[in-house]
Amino acid sequence: QVQLVESGGGLVQPGGSLRLSCAASGSLVSITIMGWYRQAPGKERKFVATINRSGSTNYADSVKGRFTISRDNAKNTVYLRMNSLKPEDTGVYYCNVYYADYRNYWGQGAQVTVSS
């Protein structure tokens, strides 16, 4: 039974930083791609960043230069370091894990609020 547990959300002032974590467990199949998506209030879920097993990354234009995605393959964990946060970064952040057998799972979501 696959489980994705997210942590690290919270309230931060503009210009501040947060780090999100997502730990995957419960499967013997290898993980290929791990990533983060976010959903702002009243809007659809959007891509933020992804990373493959070798460390190659992709970022949405809106977060380039501010966010950094990383992973620890030994721990099956993906991280998102968010720097220079803006009010428009506010939303629910979901981790996503894609397995070698084409199964895809989502975390429970972590609220990130950027406000003064």
N, C-alpha and C. Protein backbone atom coordinates (compact mmCIF):
# COMPACT_ATOMS: atom_id res chain seq x y z
N GLN A 1 0.84 -1.18 0.00
CA GLN A 1 0.00 0.00 0.00
C GLN A 1 0.89 1.25 0.00
N VAL A 2 0.88 2.00 -1.10
CA VAL A 2 1.72 3.18 -1.24
C VAL A 2 1.20 4.31 -0.37
N GLN A 3 2.12 4.98 0.32
CA GLN A 3 1.79 6.15 1.11
C GLN A 3 2.77 7.28 0.79
N LEU A 4 2.24 8.49 0.61
CA LEU A 4 3.05 9.69 0.43
C LEU A 4 2.69 10.65 1.56
N VAL A 5 3.66 10.98 2.41
CA VAL A 5 3.42 11.83 3.56
C VAL A 5 4.17 13.14 3.39
N GLU A 6 3.42 14.25 3.32
CA GLU A 6 4.00 15.57 3.14
C GLU A 6 4.15 16.29 4.48
N SER A 7 5.14 17.18 4.56
CA SER A 7 5.34 18.01 5.73
C SER A 7 6.06 19.29 5.34
N GLY A 8 5.98 20.32 6.20
CA GLY A 8 6.75 21.52 6.00
C GLY A 8 5.98 22.76 5.60
N GLY A 9 4.68 22.66 5.40
CA GLY A 9 3.89 23.83 5.04
C GLY A 9 3.72 24.77 6.22
N GLY A 10 3.18 25.96 5.93
CA GLY A 10 2.95 26.93 6.99
C GLY A 10 2.75 28.33 6.47
N LEU A 11 2.76 29.29 7.39
CA LEU A 11 2.59 30.71 7.09
C LEU A 11 3.95 31.39 7.12
N VAL A 12 4.24 32.17 6.08
CA VAL A 12 5.52 32.86 5.99
C VAL A 12 5.31 34.24 5.38
N GLN A 13 6.14 35.22 5.77
CA GLN A 13 6.06 36.56 5.22
C GLN A 13 6.70 36.63 3.84
N PRO A 14 6.28 37.57 3.00
CA PRO A 14 6.92 37.74 1.69
C PRO A 14 8.43 37.89 1.84
N GLY A 15 9.17 37.19 0.96
CA GLY A 15 10.62 37.19 1.03
C GLY A 15 11.20 36.07 1.89
N GLY A 16 10.35 35.37 2.61
CA GLY A 16 10.79 34.29 3.47
C GLY A 16 10.99 32.99 2.73
N SER A 17 11.31 31.93 3.49
CA SER A 17 11.61 30.63 2.92
C SER A 17 10.90 29.51 3.67
N LEU A 18 10.62 28.43 2.95
CA LEU A 18 10.07 27.20 3.52
C LEU A 18 10.66 26.02 2.77
N ARG A 19 10.72 24.86 3.44
CA ARG A 19 11.11 23.63 2.78
C ARG A 19 10.04 22.58 2.98
N LEU A 20 9.52 22.04 1.88
CA LEU A 20 8.55 20.97 1.91
C LEU A 20 9.25 19.62 1.73
N SER A 21 8.72 18.59 2.37
CA SER A 21 9.24 17.23 2.23
C SER A 21 8.09 16.29 1.90
N CYS A 22 8.40 15.23 1.16
CA CYS A 22 7.42 14.20 0.83
C CYS A 22 8.12 12.86 0.82
N ALA A 23 7.72 11.97 1.72
CA ALA A 23 8.33 10.65 1.85
C ALA A 23 7.39 9.58 1.31
N ALA A 24 7.88 8.75 0.40
CA ALA A 24 7.10 7.67 -0.20
C ALA A 24 7.48 6.33 0.42
N SER A 25 6.47 5.48 0.62
CA SER A 25 6.72 4.15 1.18
C SER A 25 5.65 3.18 0.68
N GLY A 26 5.92 1.87 0.83
CA GLY A 26 4.91 0.86 0.56
C GLY A 26 4.95 0.18 -0.79
N SER A 27 6.00 0.42 -1.60
CA SER A 27 6.11 -0.21 -2.91
C SER A 27 7.53 -0.71 -3.14
N LEU A 28 7.65 -1.89 -3.79
CA LEU A 28 8.95 -2.44 -4.17
C LEU A 28 9.37 -2.01 -5.56
N VAL A 29 8.49 -1.39 -6.32
CA VAL A 29 8.79 -0.92 -7.66
C VAL A 29 9.58 0.38 -7.58
N SER A 30 10.56 0.56 -8.46
CA SER A 30 11.41 1.74 -8.45
C SER A 30 10.63 3.00 -8.82
N ILE A 31 11.02 4.12 -8.20
CA ILE A 31 10.46 5.42 -8.51
C ILE A 31 11.26 6.04 -9.65
N THR A 32 10.57 6.60 -10.63
CA THR A 32 11.24 7.25 -11.75
C THR A 32 11.28 8.77 -11.58
N ILE A 33 10.11 9.40 -11.53
CA ILE A 33 10.03 10.85 -11.43
C ILE A 33 9.28 11.26 -10.17
N MET A 34 9.80 12.28 -9.49
CA MET A 34 9.14 12.87 -8.33
C MET A 34 8.96 14.35 -8.61
N GLY A 35 7.85 14.92 -8.12
CA GLY A 35 7.60 16.31 -8.42
C GLY A 35 6.65 16.98 -7.46
N TRP A 36 6.44 18.28 -7.72
CA TRP A 36 5.55 19.11 -6.92
C TRP A 36 4.60 19.89 -7.82
N TYR A 37 3.35 20.00 -7.38
CA TYR A 37 2.31 20.77 -8.05
C TYR A 37 1.61 21.61 -6.99
N ARG A 38 0.97 22.70 -7.41
CA ARG A 38 0.28 23.54 -6.44
C ARG A 38 -1.06 24.00 -7.00
N GLN A 39 -1.97 24.29 -6.08
CA GLN A 39 -3.30 24.74 -6.44
C GLN A 39 -3.63 25.98 -5.63
N ALA A 40 -3.70 27.13 -6.29
CA ALA A 40 -4.06 28.38 -5.65
C ALA A 40 -5.57 28.42 -5.42
N PRO A 41 -6.03 29.24 -4.46
CA PRO A 41 -7.47 29.32 -4.19
C PRO A 41 -8.27 29.66 -5.44
N GLY A 42 -9.27 28.84 -5.74
CA GLY A 42 -10.14 29.07 -6.88
C GLY A 42 -9.55 28.76 -8.24
N LYS A 43 -8.36 28.13 -8.28
CA LYS A 43 -7.70 27.83 -9.54
C LYS A 43 -7.37 26.36 -9.66
N GLU A 44 -6.98 25.93 -10.87
CA GLU A 44 -6.65 24.54 -11.12
C GLU A 44 -5.24 24.22 -10.63
N ARG A 45 -4.96 22.93 -10.45
CA ARG A 45 -3.64 22.48 -10.03
C ARG A 45 -2.63 22.67 -11.16
N LYS A 46 -1.44 23.21 -10.83
CA LYS A 46 -0.43 23.50 -11.83
C LYS A 46 0.92 22.90 -11.47
N PHE A 47 1.70 22.61 -12.49
CA PHE A 47 3.06 22.09 -12.36
C PHE A 47 3.98 23.11 -11.70
N VAL A 48 4.84 22.64 -10.79
CA VAL A 48 5.85 23.48 -10.16
C VAL A 48 7.26 23.02 -10.52
N ALA A 49 7.57 21.74 -10.25
CA ALA A 49 8.92 21.23 -10.51
C ALA A 49 8.91 19.71 -10.51
N THR A 50 9.84 19.10 -11.27
CA THR A 50 10.04 17.66 -11.25
C THR A 50 11.53 17.34 -11.23
N ILE A 51 11.86 16.12 -10.80
CA ILE A 51 13.24 15.65 -10.79
C ILE A 51 13.24 14.15 -11.06
N ASN A 52 14.15 13.70 -11.94
CA ASN A 52 14.25 12.27 -12.20
C ASN A 52 15.29 11.63 -11.30
N ARG A 53 15.47 10.31 -11.43
CA ARG A 53 16.34 9.58 -10.52
C ARG A 53 17.80 10.01 -10.61
N SER A 54 18.22 10.51 -11.78
CA SER A 54 19.59 10.96 -11.98
C SER A 54 19.83 12.39 -11.54
N GLY A 55 18.76 13.11 -11.18
CA GLY A 55 18.90 14.46 -10.70
C GLY A 55 18.57 15.56 -11.69
N SER A 56 18.12 15.21 -12.89
CA SER A 56 17.72 16.22 -13.86
C SER A 56 16.41 16.87 -13.44
N THR A 57 16.34 18.20 -13.54
CA THR A 57 15.19 18.94 -13.02
C THR A 57 14.49 19.76 -14.08
N ASN A 58 13.21 20.05 -13.83
CA ASN A 58 12.41 20.97 -14.62
C ASN A 58 11.63 21.86 -13.67
N TYR A 59 11.49 23.15 -14.04
CA TYR A 59 10.79 24.11 -13.21
C TYR A 59 9.80 24.92 -14.04
N ALA A 60 8.68 25.29 -13.40
CA ALA A 60 7.79 26.27 -13.99
C ALA A 60 8.50 27.62 -14.06
N ASP A 61 8.20 28.40 -15.09
CA ASP A 61 8.86 29.70 -15.25
C ASP A 61 8.64 30.60 -14.03
N SER A 62 7.50 30.48 -13.39
CA SER A 62 7.16 31.35 -12.27
C SER A 62 8.02 31.13 -11.03
N VAL A 63 8.72 29.98 -10.95
CA VAL A 63 9.51 29.68 -9.75
C VAL A 63 11.00 29.54 -10.03
N LYS A 64 11.42 29.63 -11.29
CA LYS A 64 12.83 29.50 -11.63
C LYS A 64 13.67 30.55 -10.91
N GLY A 65 14.79 30.11 -10.35
CA GLY A 65 15.67 31.00 -9.62
C GLY A 65 15.31 31.18 -8.17
N ARG A 66 14.13 30.72 -7.76
CA ARG A 66 13.68 30.87 -6.37
C ARG A 66 13.48 29.53 -5.67
N PHE A 67 12.99 28.52 -6.40
CA PHE A 67 12.70 27.20 -5.83
C PHE A 67 13.76 26.20 -6.28
N THR A 68 14.05 25.22 -5.42
CA THR A 68 14.97 24.15 -5.75
C THR A 68 14.37 22.82 -5.35
N ILE A 69 14.25 21.89 -6.31
CA ILE A 69 13.77 20.56 -6.02
C ILE A 69 14.97 19.62 -5.88
N SER A 70 14.89 18.69 -4.94
CA SER A 70 15.95 17.71 -4.74
C SER A 70 15.33 16.41 -4.24
N ARG A 71 16.11 15.33 -4.25
CA ARG A 71 15.59 14.05 -3.78
C ARG A 71 16.69 13.24 -3.12
N ASP A 72 16.28 12.39 -2.20
CA ASP A 72 17.16 11.44 -1.54
C ASP A 72 16.64 10.06 -1.91
N ASN A 73 17.30 9.40 -2.85
CA ASN A 73 16.82 8.12 -3.36
C ASN A 73 16.83 7.03 -2.30
N ALA A 74 17.79 7.08 -1.39
CA ALA A 74 17.87 6.08 -0.33
C ALA A 74 16.67 6.16 0.61
N LYS A 75 16.12 7.37 0.78
CA LYS A 75 14.98 7.59 1.67
C LYS A 75 13.65 7.70 0.92
N ASN A 76 13.68 7.61 -0.41
CA ASN A 76 12.48 7.79 -1.24
C ASN A 76 11.75 9.08 -0.87
N THR A 77 12.51 10.15 -0.76
CA THR A 77 11.97 11.43 -0.32
C THR A 77 12.32 12.53 -1.32
N VAL A 78 11.36 13.40 -1.61
CA VAL A 78 11.58 14.56 -2.46
C VAL A 78 11.35 15.82 -1.63
N TYR A 79 12.16 16.85 -1.92
CA TYR A 79 12.10 18.11 -1.19
C TYR A 79 11.85 19.27 -2.14
N LEU A 80 11.29 20.34 -1.62
CA LEU A 80 11.15 21.58 -2.36
C LEU A 80 11.55 22.74 -1.45
N ARG A 81 12.72 23.33 -1.73
CA ARG A 81 13.17 24.51 -1.01
C ARG A 81 12.62 25.74 -1.73
N MET A 82 11.86 26.56 -1.02
CA MET A 82 11.22 27.73 -1.59
C MET A 82 11.81 28.97 -0.95
N ASN A 83 12.52 29.77 -1.73
CA ASN A 83 13.11 31.02 -1.27
C ASN A 83 12.42 32.21 -1.92
N SER A 84 12.61 33.40 -1.34
CA SER A 84 12.05 34.64 -1.87
C SER A 84 10.56 34.49 -2.18
N LEU A 85 9.82 33.97 -1.23
CA LEU A 85 8.41 33.67 -1.45
C LEU A 85 7.58 34.93 -1.66
N LYS A 86 6.59 34.81 -2.55
CA LYS A 86 5.69 35.89 -2.91
C LYS A 86 4.26 35.51 -2.57
N PRO A 87 3.36 36.49 -2.38
CA PRO A 87 1.96 36.17 -2.11
C PRO A 87 1.34 35.26 -3.16
N GLU A 88 1.74 35.38 -4.42
CA GLU A 88 1.19 34.55 -5.47
C GLU A 88 1.65 33.09 -5.40
N ASP A 89 2.59 32.78 -4.50
CA ASP A 89 2.99 31.40 -4.26
C ASP A 89 2.02 30.68 -3.33
N THR A 90 1.08 31.39 -2.75
CA THR A 90 0.12 30.81 -1.81
C THR A 90 -0.72 29.73 -2.48
N GLY A 91 -0.91 28.61 -1.78
CA GLY A 91 -1.74 27.53 -2.29
C GLY A 91 -1.46 26.24 -1.56
N VAL A 92 -2.14 25.19 -2.01
CA VAL A 92 -1.90 23.86 -1.48
C VAL A 92 -0.90 23.16 -2.39
N TYR A 93 0.19 22.67 -1.81
CA TYR A 93 1.26 22.02 -2.55
C TYR A 93 1.14 20.50 -2.42
N TYR A 94 1.12 19.81 -3.56
CA TYR A 94 0.98 18.37 -3.61
C TYR A 94 2.23 17.73 -4.20
N CYS A 95 2.77 16.72 -3.54
CA CYS A 95 3.85 15.95 -4.16
C CYS A 95 3.26 14.85 -5.04
N ASN A 96 4.04 14.45 -6.04
CA ASN A 96 3.63 13.40 -6.97
C ASN A 96 4.79 12.46 -7.20
N VAL A 97 4.52 11.15 -7.18
CA VAL A 97 5.54 10.14 -7.40
C VAL A 97 5.09 9.20 -8.50
N TYR A 98 5.95 9.03 -9.51
CA TYR A 98 5.64 8.18 -10.66
C TYR A 98 6.56 6.98 -10.62
N TYR A 99 5.97 5.76 -10.69
CA TYR A 99 6.72 4.53 -10.58
C TYR A 99 7.03 3.92 -11.94
N ALA A 100 7.99 2.98 -11.95
CA ALA A 100 8.44 2.35 -13.19
C ALA A 100 7.35 1.51 -13.85
N ASP A 101 6.35 1.07 -13.09
CA ASP A 101 5.23 0.31 -13.66
C ASP A 101 4.06 1.21 -14.07
N TYR A 102 4.30 2.52 -14.17
CA TYR A 102 3.37 3.54 -14.65
C TYR A 102 2.31 3.95 -13.63
N ARG A 103 2.41 3.49 -12.39
CA ARG A 103 1.51 3.95 -11.35
C ARG A 103 1.91 5.34 -10.88
N ASN A 104 0.94 6.16 -10.52
CA ASN A 104 1.15 7.54 -10.12
C ASN A 104 0.34 7.83 -8.86
N TYR A 105 0.98 8.46 -7.86
CA TYR A 105 0.33 8.73 -6.59
C TYR A 105 0.56 10.16 -6.14
N TRP A 106 -0.39 10.69 -5.38
CA TRP A 106 -0.35 12.05 -4.87
C TRP A 106 -0.29 12.09 -3.35
N GLY A 107 0.41 13.08 -2.82
CA GLY A 107 0.41 13.33 -1.39
C GLY A 107 -0.89 13.99 -0.95
N GLN A 108 -1.03 14.19 0.37
CA GLN A 108 -2.27 14.72 0.91
C GLN A 108 -2.41 16.22 0.76
N GLY A 109 -1.33 16.91 0.42
CA GLY A 109 -1.34 18.35 0.27
C GLY A 109 -0.83 19.07 1.51
N ALA A 110 -0.07 20.14 1.29
CA ALA A 110 0.45 20.98 2.36
C ALA A 110 0.13 22.44 2.06
N GLN A 111 -0.52 23.12 3.00
CA GLN A 111 -0.89 24.52 2.80
C GLN A 111 0.32 25.42 2.98
N VAL A 112 0.56 26.29 1.99
CA VAL A 112 1.59 27.32 2.06
C VAL A 112 0.91 28.67 1.89
N THR A 113 1.05 29.53 2.90
CA THR A 113 0.45 30.85 2.85
C THR A 113 1.54 31.91 2.99
N VAL A 114 1.63 32.80 2.01
CA VAL A 114 2.62 33.87 2.01
C VAL A 114 1.88 35.19 2.18
N SER A 115 2.02 35.80 3.34
CA SER A 115 1.26 37.00 3.66
C SER A 115 1.97 37.79 4.76
N SER A 116 1.84 39.12 4.69
CA SER A 116 2.37 39.98 5.73
C SER A 116 1.33 40.29 6.79
